[in-house]
């Protein structure tokens, strides 16, 4: 049996030495070491020998299996090295060429405006407050004097999670949280994402960014509204920016107004961006409605407040002359790189 084992090793070695690729090497492995291979079959035939012969014969063929396995793995390494060398030669790779520079990212314009707005209002004494994206229907609507039958509460305009919880439609709902847990004087801005069931078009997205402002103290008047927002416009858009206020309506402020600024492109002369009016609408504002103050436990005879809200995406578009809000949501690197140095 020792001679048979040596013969198998010699035959296998000769075949392994002459093989030139991995598929042929695998065929040799199967021939000798596979389930029906010659060495495997020899080991399985040990049952026909006596108890004294089995250990001796088994040792011969186990050594044969180990020797053939070692020769196969050694040859496999040689073939892999040769194939890799041939592949490198065929690809003609020049390792002395300089590497490609990594792509440089850029800050998103909305993030740039976010930070600029926070800095601007910080100069005016406002602190930044945040709130949850999933909000109570009560805080989002009812506490803000929005009646049950108001169109904004319809399912086609608002994302309802349950009857009591919604994805907030404005950051104004955080005003209620602030008013319930703090005592005046209060001066805060609330930036964040808001959600509305709108189809995407050049001026609408279902998810966008908003910034609300809140001031509560004694003897707040509409003059404070005009003073704060005019100062904001001059810091943010430039000292030569003109401002005007137009009467409007919001359920949670009374009186209410919309604020326009002179067009950042034509400076009031009239262009396509401002529809040749010379003005751009940027936000809504007003004095807090007495019903809102009562809802959070304040006496409107003793305290008053102002509130304002603006779309951060819209302000970004106006500041940089962007004509399609969808560009802000696509995260296109070529678009973002235009704002690397702003």
C-alpha atoms as a PDB file:
ATOM      1  CA  UNK A   1       0.000   0.000   0.000  1.00  0.00           C
ATOM      2  CA  UNK A   2       2.956   2.289   0.604  1.00  0.00           C
ATOM      3  CA  UNK A   3       3.935   1.832  -3.062  1.00  0.00           C
ATOM      4  CA  UNK A   4       0.379   2.640  -4.227  1.00  0.00           C
ATOM      5  CA  UNK A   5       0.308   5.817  -2.165  1.00  0.00           C
ATOM      6  CA  UNK A   6       3.696   6.906  -3.529  1.00  0.00           C
ATOM      7  CA  UNK A   7       2.505   6.191  -7.045  1.00  0.00           C
ATOM      8  CA  UNK A   8      -0.589   8.393  -6.548  1.00  0.00           C
ATOM      9  CA  UNK A   9       1.605  11.220  -5.209  1.00  0.00           C
ATOM     10  CA  UNK A  10       3.970  10.954  -8.170  1.00  0.00           C
ATOM     11  CA  UNK A  11       1.162  10.912 -10.738  1.00  0.00           C
ATOM     12  CA  UNK A  12      -0.595  13.845  -9.100  1.00  0.00           C
ATOM     13  CA  UNK A  13       2.647  15.826  -8.830  1.00  0.00           C
ATOM     14  CA  UNK A  14       3.405  15.378 -12.512  1.00  0.00           C
ATOM     15  CA  UNK A  15      -0.086  16.538 -13.486  1.00  0.00           C
ATOM     16  CA  UNK A  16       0.002  19.506 -11.094  1.00  0.00           C
ATOM     17  CA  UNK A  17       3.392  20.662 -12.368  1.00  0.00           C
ATOM     18  CA  UNK A  18       2.220  20.751 -15.976  1.00  0.00           C
ATOM     19  CA  UNK A  19      -1.088  22.566 -15.400  1.00  0.00           C
ATOM     20  CA  UNK A  20      -1.190  26.245 -16.506  1.00  0.00           C
ATOM     21  CA  UNK A  21      -4.516  27.636 -15.265  1.00  0.00           C
ATOM     22  CA  UNK A  22      -6.876  27.427 -12.308  1.00  0.00           C
ATOM     23  CA  UNK A  23      -9.750  25.529 -13.991  1.00  0.00           C
ATOM     24  CA  UNK A  24      -7.375  22.685 -14.978  1.00  0.00           C
ATOM     25  CA  UNK A  25      -5.902  22.691 -11.475  1.00  0.00           C
ATOM     26  CA  UNK A  26      -9.394  22.308 -10.052  1.00  0.00           C
ATOM     27  CA  UNK A  27      -9.967  19.270 -12.301  1.00  0.00           C
ATOM     28  CA  UNK A  28      -6.833  17.634 -10.862  1.00  0.00           C
ATOM     29  CA  UNK A  29      -7.982  18.399  -7.313  1.00  0.00           C
ATOM     30  CA  UNK A  30     -11.330  16.725  -7.999  1.00  0.00           C
ATOM     31  CA  UNK A  31      -9.589  13.735  -9.650  1.00  0.00           C
ATOM     32  CA  UNK A  32      -7.526  12.949  -6.549  1.00  0.00           C
ATOM     33  CA  UNK A  33      -9.271  14.656  -3.606  1.00  0.00           C
ATOM     34  CA  UNK A  34     -12.901  15.021  -4.662  1.00  0.00           C
ATOM     35  CA  UNK A  35     -15.736  12.881  -3.285  1.00  0.00           C
ATOM     36  CA  UNK A  36     -14.986  10.262  -5.924  1.00  0.00           C
ATOM     37  CA  UNK A  37     -11.283  11.004  -6.175  1.00  0.00           C
ATOM     38  CA  UNK A  38      -8.650   8.262  -6.167  1.00  0.00           C
ATOM     39  CA  UNK A  39      -7.173   9.097  -2.747  1.00  0.00           C
ATOM     40  CA  UNK A  40     -10.638   9.599  -1.238  1.00  0.00           C
ATOM     41  CA  UNK A  41     -11.791   6.213  -2.557  1.00  0.00           C
ATOM     42  CA  UNK A  42      -8.635   4.545  -1.191  1.00  0.00           C
ATOM     43  CA  UNK A  43      -9.410   5.920   2.292  1.00  0.00           C
ATOM     44  CA  UNK A  44     -13.015   4.774   2.056  1.00  0.00           C
ATOM     45  CA  UNK A  45     -11.880   1.216   1.205  1.00  0.00           C
ATOM     46  CA  UNK A  46     -10.155   0.767   4.585  1.00  0.00           C
ATOM     47  CA  UNK A  47     -13.127  -1.224   5.807  1.00  0.00           C
ATOM     48  CA  UNK A  48     -11.996  -4.296   3.868  1.00  0.00           C
ATOM     49  CA  UNK A  49      -8.762  -4.567   5.858  1.00  0.00           C
ATOM     50  CA  UNK A  50      -8.131  -6.066   9.276  1.00  0.00           C
ATOM     51  CA  UNK A  51      -7.956  -3.984  12.447  1.00  0.00           C
ATOM     52  CA  UNK A  52      -4.148  -4.302  12.425  1.00  0.00           C
ATOM     53  CA  UNK A  53      -3.816  -3.171   8.784  1.00  0.00           C
ATOM     54  CA  UNK A  54      -6.217  -0.166   8.927  1.00  0.00           C
ATOM     55  CA  UNK A  55      -3.953   2.248  10.868  1.00  0.00           C
ATOM     56  CA  UNK A  56      -0.931   1.497   8.696  1.00  0.00           C
ATOM     57  CA  UNK A  57      -2.730   1.762   5.363  1.00  0.00           C
ATOM     58  CA  UNK A  58      -4.714   4.804   6.534  1.00  0.00           C
ATOM     59  CA  UNK A  59      -1.487   6.577   7.468  1.00  0.00           C
ATOM     60  CA  UNK A  60      -0.076   6.005   3.971  1.00  0.00           C
ATOM     61  CA  UNK A  61      -3.079   7.503   2.196  1.00  0.00           C
ATOM     62  CA  UNK A  62      -3.508  10.394   4.677  1.00  0.00           C
ATOM     63  CA  UNK A  63       0.094  11.375   3.954  1.00  0.00           C
ATOM     64  CA  UNK A  64      -0.694  11.099   0.241  1.00  0.00           C
ATOM     65  CA  UNK A  65      -3.735  13.422   0.674  1.00  0.00           C
ATOM     66  CA  UNK A  66      -1.675  15.976   2.593  1.00  0.00           C
ATOM     67  CA  UNK A  67       1.125  15.894   0.013  1.00  0.00           C
ATOM     68  CA  UNK A  68      -1.242  16.348  -2.953  1.00  0.00           C
ATOM     69  CA  UNK A  69      -3.139  19.171  -1.140  1.00  0.00           C
ATOM     70  CA  UNK A  70       0.115  20.986  -0.449  1.00  0.00           C
ATOM     71  CA  UNK A  71       1.262  20.656  -4.080  1.00  0.00           C
ATOM     72  CA  UNK A  72      -2.106  21.953  -5.360  1.00  0.00           C
ATOM     73  CA  UNK A  73      -2.080  25.022  -3.077  1.00  0.00           C
ATOM     74  CA  UNK A  74       1.525  25.798  -3.962  1.00  0.00           C
ATOM     75  CA  UNK A  75       0.755  25.575  -7.667  1.00  0.00           C
ATOM     76  CA  UNK A  76      -2.391  27.680  -7.183  1.00  0.00           C
ATOM     77  CA  UNK A  77      -0.285  30.504  -5.723  1.00  0.00           C
ATOM     78  CA  UNK A  78       2.148  30.313  -8.632  1.00  0.00           C
ATOM     79  CA  UNK A  79      -0.652  30.446 -11.222  1.00  0.00           C
ATOM     80  CA  UNK A  80      -2.350  33.396  -9.478  1.00  0.00           C
ATOM     81  CA  UNK A  81       0.938  35.328  -9.446  1.00  0.00           C
ATOM     82  CA  UNK A  82       1.553  34.659 -13.142  1.00  0.00           C
ATOM     83  CA  UNK A  83      -2.019  35.654 -14.070  1.00  0.00           C
ATOM     84  CA  UNK A  84      -1.766  38.881 -12.069  1.00  0.00           C
ATOM     85  CA  UNK A  85       1.540  39.759 -13.721  1.00  0.00           C
ATOM     86  CA  UNK A  86       0.088  39.106 -17.178  1.00  0.00           C
ATOM     87  CA  UNK A  87      -2.970  41.224 -16.337  1.00  0.00           C
ATOM     88  CA  UNK A  88      -0.835  44.140 -15.195  1.00  0.00           C
ATOM     89  CA  UNK A  89       1.242  43.930 -18.369  1.00  0.00           C
ATOM     90  CA  UNK A  90      -1.836  43.850 -20.585  1.00  0.00           C
ATOM     91  CA  UNK A  91      -3.414  46.863 -18.821  1.00  0.00           C
ATOM     92  CA  UNK A  92      -0.252  48.889 -19.292  1.00  0.00           C
ATOM     93  CA  UNK A  93      -0.696  50.635 -15.938  1.00  0.00           C
ATOM     94  CA  UNK A  94       1.677  53.521 -15.349  1.00  0.00           C
ATOM     95  CA  UNK A  95       2.069  53.736 -11.572  1.00  0.00           C
ATOM     96  CA  UNK A  96       4.140  56.934 -11.913  1.00  0.00           C
ATOM     97  CA  UNK A  97       1.104  58.955 -13.080  1.00  0.00           C
ATOM     98  CA  UNK A  98      -0.237  61.443 -10.480  1.00  0.00           C
ATOM     99  CA  UNK A  99      -3.439  60.410  -8.709  1.00  0.00           C
ATOM    100  CA  UNK A 100      -6.813  62.042  -9.291  1.00  0.00           C
ATOM    101  CA  UNK A 101      -7.673  64.833  -6.874  1.00  0.00           C
ATOM    102  CA  UNK A 102     -10.644  64.059  -4.634  1.00  0.00           C
ATOM    103  CA  UNK A 103     -13.842  65.898  -5.435  1.00  0.00           C
ATOM    104  CA  UNK A 104     -14.284  68.928  -3.209  1.00  0.00           C
ATOM    105  CA  UNK A 105     -17.729  69.367  -1.716  1.00  0.00           C
ATOM    106  CA  UNK A 106     -19.560  72.631  -1.044  1.00  0.00           C
ATOM    107  CA  UNK A 107     -21.954  73.955   1.556  1.00  0.00           C
ATOM    108  CA  UNK A 108     -25.590  73.877   0.520  1.00  0.00           C
ATOM    109  CA  UNK A 109     -26.990  77.386  -0.125  1.00  0.00           C
ATOM    110  CA  UNK A 110     -29.894  76.745   2.275  1.00  0.00           C
ATOM    111  CA  UNK A 111     -27.395  75.939   5.043  1.00  0.00           C
ATOM    112  CA  UNK A 112     -25.493  79.123   4.224  1.00  0.00           C
ATOM    113  CA  UNK A 113     -28.684  81.183   4.547  1.00  0.00           C
ATOM    114  CA  UNK A 114     -29.707  79.276   7.700  1.00  0.00           C
ATOM    115  CA  UNK A 115     -26.514  80.365   9.445  1.00  0.00           C
ATOM    116  CA  UNK A 116     -26.698  83.911   8.114  1.00  0.00           C
ATOM    117  CA  UNK A 117     -30.277  84.303   9.377  1.00  0.00           C
ATOM    118  CA  UNK A 118     -29.287  82.997  12.802  1.00  0.00           C
ATOM    119  CA  UNK A 119     -26.373  85.442  12.980  1.00  0.00           C
ATOM    120  CA  UNK A 120     -28.546  88.352  11.851  1.00  0.00           C
ATOM    121  CA  UNK A 121     -31.224  87.742  14.480  1.00  0.00           C
ATOM    122  CA  UNK A 122     -28.601  87.002  17.136  1.00  0.00           C
ATOM    123  CA  UNK A 123     -27.411  90.600  16.637  1.00  0.00           C
ATOM    124  CA  UNK A 124     -30.988  91.647  17.482  1.00  0.00           C
ATOM    125  CA  UNK A 125     -31.013  89.615  20.702  1.00  0.00           C
ATOM    126  CA  UNK A 126     -32.932  86.535  19.487  1.00  0.00           C
ATOM    127  CA  UNK A 127     -32.094  83.009  20.657  1.00  0.00           C
ATOM    128  CA  UNK A 128     -32.506  79.899  18.476  1.00  0.00           C
ATOM    129  CA  UNK A 129     -35.152  77.386  19.613  1.00  0.00           C
ATOM    130  CA  UNK A 130     -36.046  74.101  17.903  1.00  0.00           C
ATOM    131  CA  UNK A 131     -39.069  71.820  18.102  1.00  0.00           C
ATOM    132  CA  UNK A 132     -40.201  68.356  16.930  1.00  0.00           C
ATOM    133  CA  UNK A 133     -41.168  67.689  13.313  1.00  0.00           C
ATOM    134  CA  UNK A 134     -44.086  65.533  14.490  1.00  0.00           C
ATOM    135  CA  UNK A 135     -46.442  67.892  16.277  1.00  0.00           C
ATOM    136  CA  UNK A 136     -49.764  67.820  18.095  1.00  0.00           C
ATOM    137  CA  UNK A 137     -52.666  68.871  15.902  1.00  0.00           C
ATOM    138  CA  UNK A 138     -53.625  71.158  18.812  1.00  0.00           C
ATOM    139  CA  UNK A 139     -50.289  73.042  18.760  1.00  0.00           C
ATOM    140  CA  UNK A 140     -50.170  73.188  14.976  1.00  0.00           C
ATOM    141  CA  UNK A 141     -53.700  74.513  14.483  1.00  0.00           C
ATOM    142  CA  UNK A 142     -56.112  74.955  17.358  1.00  0.00           C
ATOM    143  CA  UNK A 143     -53.838  76.826  19.775  1.00  0.00           C
ATOM    144  CA  UNK A 144     -52.923  79.167  16.899  1.00  0.00           C
ATOM    145  CA  UNK A 145     -56.568  80.167  16.410  1.00  0.00           C
ATOM    146  CA  UNK A 146     -56.987  78.045  13.255  1.00  0.00           C
ATOM    147  CA  UNK A 147     -60.625  76.829  13.244  1.00  0.00           C
ATOM    148  CA  UNK A 148     -61.640  73.219  12.642  1.00  0.00           C
ATOM    149  CA  UNK A 149     -63.068  74.011   9.206  1.00  0.00           C
ATOM    150  CA  UNK A 150     -60.007  75.910   7.970  1.00  0.00           C
ATOM    151  CA  UNK A 151     -58.814  74.623   4.530  1.00  0.00           C
ATOM    152  CA  UNK A 152     -55.234  74.180   5.790  1.00  0.00           C
ATOM    153  CA  UNK A 153     -56.457  71.407   8.104  1.00  0.00           C
ATOM    154  CA  UNK A 154     -57.766  69.286   5.208  1.00  0.00           C
ATOM    155  CA  UNK A 155     -56.001  66.017   4.473  1.00  0.00           C
ATOM    156  CA  UNK A 156     -55.054  67.247   0.981  1.00  0.00           C
ATOM    157  CA  UNK A 157     -52.966  70.019   2.563  1.00  0.00           C
ATOM    158  CA  UNK A 158     -51.598  68.408   5.752  1.00  0.00           C
ATOM    159  CA  UNK A 159     -49.812  65.112   6.431  1.00  0.00           C
ATOM    160  CA  UNK A 160     -51.722  63.441   9.272  1.00  0.00           C
ATOM    161  CA  UNK A 161     -50.042  60.653  11.234  1.00  0.00           C
ATOM    162  CA  UNK A 162     -53.078  60.106  13.478  1.00  0.00           C
ATOM    163  CA  UNK A 163     -56.090  62.266  14.263  1.00  0.00           C
ATOM    164  CA  UNK A 164     -54.020  63.969  16.970  1.00  0.00           C
ATOM    165  CA  UNK A 165     -50.563  64.153  15.359  1.00  0.00           C
ATOM    166  CA  UNK A 166     -49.365  65.808  12.139  1.00  0.00           C
ATOM    167  CA  UNK A 167     -46.116  66.586  10.379  1.00  0.00           C
ATOM    168  CA  UNK A 168     -45.896  70.263  11.277  1.00  0.00           C
ATOM    169  CA  UNK A 169     -47.030  72.611   8.525  1.00  0.00           C
ATOM    170  CA  UNK A 170     -45.118  75.586   9.965  1.00  0.00           C
ATOM    171  CA  UNK A 171     -42.609  76.226  12.728  1.00  0.00           C
ATOM    172  CA  UNK A 172     -45.128  78.635  14.296  1.00  0.00           C
ATOM    173  CA  UNK A 173     -46.401  75.659  16.309  1.00  0.00           C
ATOM    174  CA  UNK A 174     -43.207  75.846  18.386  1.00  0.00           C
ATOM    175  CA  UNK A 175     -44.397  79.297  19.551  1.00  0.00           C
ATOM    176  CA  UNK A 176     -47.034  77.496  21.611  1.00  0.00           C
ATOM    177  CA  UNK A 177     -44.442  75.251  23.240  1.00  0.00           C
ATOM    178  CA  UNK A 178     -42.284  78.278  24.087  1.00  0.00           C
ATOM    179  CA  UNK A 179     -45.193  80.300  25.488  1.00  0.00           C
ATOM    180  CA  UNK A 180     -46.338  77.411  27.689  1.00  0.00           C
ATOM    181  CA  UNK A 181     -42.969  76.702  29.317  1.00  0.00           C
ATOM    182  CA  UNK A 182     -41.328  80.149  29.538  1.00  0.00           C
ATOM    183  CA  UNK A 183     -42.122  83.473  31.104  1.00  0.00           C
ATOM    184  CA  UNK A 184     -41.753  86.811  29.297  1.00  0.00           C
ATOM    185  CA  UNK A 185     -39.717  88.579  28.126  1.00  0.00           C
ATOM    186  CA  UNK A 186     -39.302  86.154  25.215  1.00  0.00           C
ATOM    187  CA  UNK A 187     -37.325  86.757  22.038  1.00  0.00           C
ATOM    188  CA  UNK A 188     -36.732  83.661  19.895  1.00  0.00           C
ATOM    189  CA  UNK A 189     -36.436  82.423  16.324  1.00  0.00           C
ATOM    190  CA  UNK A 190     -37.463  78.903  15.336  1.00  0.00           C
ATOM    191  CA  UNK A 191     -35.879  77.493  12.139  1.00  0.00           C
ATOM    192  CA  UNK A 192     -36.631  74.012  10.793  1.00  0.00           C
ATOM    193  CA  UNK A 193     -38.234  71.755   8.214  1.00  0.00           C
ATOM    194  CA  UNK A 194     -41.973  71.884   7.569  1.00  0.00           C
ATOM    195  CA  UNK A 195     -44.242  69.601   5.559  1.00  0.00           C
ATOM    196  CA  UNK A 196     -47.217  70.259   3.314  1.00  0.00           C
ATOM    197  CA  UNK A 197     -49.019  68.080   0.829  1.00  0.00           C
ATOM    198  CA  UNK A 198     -47.917  70.047  -2.233  1.00  0.00           C
ATOM    199  CA  UNK A 199     -46.843  68.788  -5.635  1.00  0.00           C
ATOM    200  CA  UNK A 200     -43.308  69.744  -6.652  1.00  0.00           C
ATOM    201  CA  UNK A 201     -43.061  72.650  -9.081  1.00  0.00           C
ATOM    202  CA  UNK A 202     -40.694  75.626  -9.550  1.00  0.00           C
ATOM    203  CA  UNK A 203     -42.106  77.352  -6.440  1.00  0.00           C
ATOM    204  CA  UNK A 204     -43.372  74.487  -4.221  1.00  0.00           C
ATOM    205  CA  UNK A 205     -41.965  71.429  -2.446  1.00  0.00           C
ATOM    206  CA  UNK A 206     -43.656  69.032  -0.004  1.00  0.00           C
ATOM    207  CA  UNK A 207     -40.714  69.500   2.403  1.00  0.00           C
ATOM    208  CA  UNK A 208     -39.119  72.899   2.808  1.00  0.00           C
ATOM    209  CA  UNK A 209     -37.573  75.159   5.469  1.00  0.00           C
ATOM    210  CA  UNK A 210     -39.127  77.930   7.505  1.00  0.00           C
ATOM    211  CA  UNK A 211     -38.043  80.405  10.147  1.00  0.00           C
ATOM    212  CA  UNK A 212     -40.480  81.865  12.657  1.00  0.00           C
ATOM    213  CA  UNK A 213     -39.821  84.695  15.081  1.00  0.00           C
ATOM    214  CA  UNK A 214     -41.517  85.401  18.403  1.00  0.00           C
ATOM    215  CA  UNK A 215     -41.326  88.336  20.817  1.00  0.00           C
ATOM    216  CA  UNK A 216     -43.508  88.624  23.933  1.00  0.00           C
ATOM    217  CA  UNK A 217     -43.251  91.411  26.485  1.00  0.00           C
ATOM    218  CA  UNK A 218     -45.152  94.392  27.823  1.00  0.00           C
ATOM    219  CA  UNK A 219     -46.302  97.114  25.419  1.00  0.00           C
ATOM    220  CA  UNK A 220     -45.239  95.431  22.143  1.00  0.00           C
ATOM    221  CA  UNK A 221     -46.711  97.423  19.231  1.00  0.00           C
ATOM    222  CA  UNK A 222     -46.793  97.174  15.466  1.00  0.00           C
ATOM    223  CA  UNK A 223     -43.979  99.691  15.471  1.00  0.00           C
ATOM    224  CA  UNK A 224     -41.805  96.958  16.996  1.00  0.00           C
ATOM    225  CA  UNK A 225     -42.806  94.621  14.151  1.00  0.00           C
ATOM    226  CA  UNK A 226     -41.715  97.185  11.558  1.00  0.00           C
ATOM    227  CA  UNK A 227     -38.538  98.091  13.443  1.00  0.00           C
ATOM    228  CA  UNK A 228     -37.314  94.512  13.939  1.00  0.00           C
ATOM    229  CA  UNK A 229     -38.041  93.406  10.382  1.00  0.00           C
ATOM    230  CA  UNK A 230     -36.667  96.532   8.722  1.00  0.00           C
ATOM    231  CA  UNK A 231     -33.432  96.068  10.696  1.00  0.00           C
ATOM    232  CA  UNK A 232     -33.331  92.414   9.602  1.00  0.00           C
ATOM    233  CA  UNK A 233     -33.815  93.355   5.932  1.00  0.00           C
ATOM    234  CA  UNK A 234     -31.026  95.943   6.034  1.00  0.00           C
ATOM    235  CA  UNK A 235     -28.582  93.505   7.680  1.00  0.00           C
ATOM    236  CA  UNK A 236     -29.481  90.558   5.469  1.00  0.00           C
ATOM    237  CA  UNK A 237     -30.096  92.133   2.049  1.00  0.00           C
ATOM    238  CA  UNK A 238     -28.013  95.296   2.441  1.00  0.00           C
ATOM    239  CA  UNK A 239     -28.397  98.788   3.950  1.00  0.00           C
ATOM    240  CA  UNK A 240     -29.898 100.243   0.741  1.00  0.00           C
ATOM    241  CA  UNK A 241     -32.817  97.780   0.773  1.00  0.00           C
ATOM    242  CA  UNK A 242     -36.256  99.435   0.790  1.00  0.00           C
ATOM    243  CA  UNK A 243     -39.058  97.857   2.837  1.00  0.00           C
ATOM    244  CA  UNK A 244     -42.834  98.084   2.664  1.00  0.00           C
ATOM    245  CA  UNK A 245     -45.690  96.476   4.610  1.00  0.00           C
ATOM    246  CA  UNK A 246     -49.065  95.508   3.123  1.00  0.00           C
ATOM    247  CA  UNK A 247     -52.177  94.590   5.178  1.00  0.00           C
ATOM    248  CA  UNK A 248     -52.889  90.861   5.228  1.00  0.00           C
ATOM    249  CA  UNK A 249     -54.554  88.151   7.325  1.00  0.00           C
ATOM    250  CA  UNK A 250     -53.187  85.303   9.447  1.00  0.00           C
ATOM    251  CA  UNK A 251     -55.301  83.460  12.054  1.00  0.00           C
ATOM    252  CA  UNK A 252     -52.720  83.869  14.833  1.00  0.00           C
ATOM    253  CA  UNK A 253     -51.848  87.581  14.384  1.00  0.00           C
ATOM    254  CA  UNK A 254     -53.980  90.739  14.483  1.00  0.00           C
ATOM    255  CA  UNK A 255     -53.256  93.111  12.831  1.00  0.00           C
ATOM    256  CA  UNK A 256     -51.302  91.218  10.159  1.00  0.00           C
ATOM    257  CA  UNK A 257     -49.100  92.316   7.278  1.00  0.00           C
ATOM    258  CA  UNK A 258     -46.851  90.985   4.550  1.00  0.00           C
ATOM    259  CA  UNK A 259     -43.425  92.533   4.126  1.00  0.00           C
ATOM    260  CA  UNK A 260     -41.816  93.227   0.758  1.00  0.00           C
ATOM    261  CA  UNK A 261     -38.251  94.272   0.018  1.00  0.00           C
ATOM    262  CA  UNK A 262     -36.925  96.040  -3.040  1.00  0.00           C
ATOM    263  CA  UNK A 263     -35.838  93.525  -5.675  1.00  0.00           C
ATOM    264  CA  UNK A 264     -32.322  92.227  -5.057  1.00  0.00           C
ATOM    265  CA  UNK A 265     -31.707  91.959  -8.830  1.00  0.00           C
ATOM    266  CA  UNK A 266     -33.037  95.202 -10.289  1.00  0.00           C
ATOM    267  CA  UNK A 267     -33.081  97.248  -7.038  1.00  0.00           C
ATOM    268  CA  UNK A 268     -36.619  98.422  -7.679  1.00  0.00           C
ATOM    269  CA  UNK A 269     -36.354  99.166 -11.391  1.00  0.00           C
ATOM    270  CA  UNK A 270     -38.408  96.127 -12.450  1.00  0.00           C
ATOM    271  CA  UNK A 271     -37.286  92.755 -13.833  1.00  0.00           C
ATOM    272  CA  UNK A 272     -38.505  89.205 -14.503  1.00  0.00           C
ATOM    273  CA  UNK A 273     -37.759  88.048 -10.950  1.00  0.00           C
ATOM    274  CA  UNK A 274     -40.006  90.695  -9.355  1.00  0.00           C
ATOM    275  CA  UNK A 275     -42.509  90.544 -12.227  1.00  0.00           C
ATOM    276  CA  UNK A 276     -41.589  94.154 -13.075  1.00  0.00           C
ATOM    277  CA  UNK A 277     -43.046  95.481  -9.797  1.00  0.00           C
ATOM    278  CA  UNK A 278     -39.701  96.289  -8.166  1.00  0.00           C
ATOM    279  CA  UNK A 279     -40.764  94.433  -4.987  1.00  0.00           C
ATOM    280  CA  UNK A 280     -40.334  90.909  -3.595  1.00  0.00           C
ATOM    281  CA  UNK A 281     -42.560  89.418  -0.904  1.00  0.00           C
ATOM    282  CA  UNK A 282     -40.458  87.688   1.759  1.00  0.00           C
ATOM    283  CA  UNK A 283     -42.502  87.163   4.943  1.00  0.00           C
ATOM    284  CA  UNK A 284     -45.702  87.567   6.924  1.00  0.00           C
ATOM    285  CA  UNK A 285     -45.906  89.196  10.336  1.00  0.00           C
ATOM    286  CA  UNK A 286     -48.158  90.805  12.909  1.00  0.00           C
ATOM    287  CA  UNK A 287     -49.068  91.184  16.561  1.00  0.00           C
ATOM    288  CA  UNK A 288     -49.990  87.979  18.370  1.00  0.00           C
ATOM    289  CA  UNK A 289     -53.753  87.473  18.374  1.00  0.00           C
ATOM    290  CA  UNK A 290     -55.312  87.944  21.846  1.00  0.00           C
ATOM    291  CA  UNK A 291     -56.948  84.501  21.498  1.00  0.00           C
ATOM    292  CA  UNK A 292     -53.492  82.888  21.162  1.00  0.00           C
ATOM    293  CA  UNK A 293     -52.281  84.670  24.283  1.00  0.00           C
ATOM    294  CA  UNK A 294     -55.362  83.559  26.215  1.00  0.00           C
ATOM    295  CA  UNK A 295     -54.923  79.968  25.002  1.00  0.00           C
ATOM    296  CA  UNK A 296     -51.504  79.747  26.671  1.00  0.00           C
ATOM    297  CA  UNK A 297     -52.636  81.471  29.866  1.00  0.00           C
ATOM    298  CA  UNK A 298     -51.487  85.062  29.233  1.00  0.00           C
ATOM    299  CA  UNK A 299     -53.585  88.166  29.857  1.00  0.00           C
ATOM    300  CA  UNK A 300     -53.725  90.222  26.608  1.00  0.00           C
ATOM    301  CA  UNK A 301     -54.317  93.321  28.718  1.00  0.00           C
ATOM    302  CA  UNK A 302     -50.925  92.903  30.391  1.00  0.00           C
ATOM    303  CA  UNK A 303     -48.776  91.302  27.710  1.00  0.00           C
ATOM    304  CA  UNK A 304     -48.523  91.520  23.941  1.00  0.00           C
ATOM    305  CA  UNK A 305     -46.280  90.028  21.331  1.00  0.00           C
ATOM    306  CA  UNK A 306     -45.241  89.906  17.724  1.00  0.00           C
ATOM    307  CA  UNK A 307     -44.658  86.996  15.379  1.00  0.00           C
ATOM    308  CA  UNK A 308     -43.246  86.653  11.882  1.00  0.00           C
ATOM    309  CA  UNK A 309     -42.488  83.790   9.523  1.00  0.00           C
ATOM    310  CA  UNK A 310     -40.508  83.372   6.326  1.00  0.00           C
ATOM    311  CA  UNK A 311     -39.605  80.540   3.963  1.00  0.00           C
ATOM    312  CA  UNK A 312     -35.844  79.991   4.172  1.00  0.00           C
ATOM    313  CA  UNK A 313     -35.829  78.355   0.727  1.00  0.00           C
ATOM    314  CA  UNK A 314     -37.621  81.374  -0.737  1.00  0.00           C
ATOM    315  CA  UNK A 315     -35.206  83.814   0.900  1.00  0.00           C
ATOM    316  CA  UNK A 316     -32.329  81.719  -0.484  1.00  0.00           C
ATOM    317  CA  UNK A 317     -33.814  81.910  -3.978  1.00  0.00           C
ATOM    318  CA  UNK A 318     -34.239  85.681  -3.731  1.00  0.00           C
ATOM    319  CA  UNK A 319     -30.761  86.260  -2.315  1.00  0.00           C
ATOM    320  CA  UNK A 320     -28.995  84.267  -5.047  1.00  0.00           C
ATOM    321  CA  UNK A 321     -31.397  84.695  -7.966  1.00  0.00           C
ATOM    322  CA  UNK A 322     -32.439  81.000  -8.125  1.00  0.00           C
ATOM    323  CA  UNK A 323     -35.577  80.549 -10.239  1.00  0.00           C
ATOM    324  CA  UNK A 324     -36.580  76.956  -9.339  1.00  0.00           C
ATOM    325  CA  UNK A 325     -36.941  75.731  -5.740  1.00  0.00           C
ATOM    326  CA  UNK A 326     -36.432  72.129  -6.869  1.00  0.00           C
ATOM    327  CA  UNK A 327     -32.750  72.903  -7.477  1.00  0.00           C
ATOM    328  CA  UNK A 328     -32.385  73.246  -3.699  1.00  0.00           C
ATOM    329  CA  UNK A 329     -33.642  69.688  -3.136  1.00  0.00           C
ATOM    330  CA  UNK A 330     -31.725  67.830  -5.857  1.00  0.00           C
ATOM    331  CA  UNK A 331     -28.317  68.051  -4.126  1.00  0.00           C
ATOM    332  CA  UNK A 332     -26.520  68.433  -7.446  1.00  0.00           C
ATOM    333  CA  UNK A 333     -22.801  68.985  -6.785  1.00  0.00           C
ATOM    334  CA  UNK A 334     -22.349  71.208  -9.827  1.00  0.00           C
ATOM    335  CA  UNK A 335     -25.151  73.454  -8.548  1.00  0.00           C
ATOM    336  CA  UNK A 336     -23.838  73.492  -4.969  1.00  0.00           C
ATOM    337  CA  UNK A 337     -20.294  74.377  -6.064  1.00  0.00           C
ATOM    338  CA  UNK A 338     -21.567  77.736  -7.299  1.00  0.00           C
ATOM    339  CA  UNK A 339     -21.906  78.704  -3.634  1.00  0.00           C
ATOM    340  CA  UNK A 340     -18.477  77.566  -2.419  1.00  0.00           C
ATOM    341  CA  UNK A 341     -17.304  81.099  -1.706  1.00  0.00           C
ATOM    342  CA  UNK A 342     -20.482  82.745  -0.439  1.00  0.00           C
END
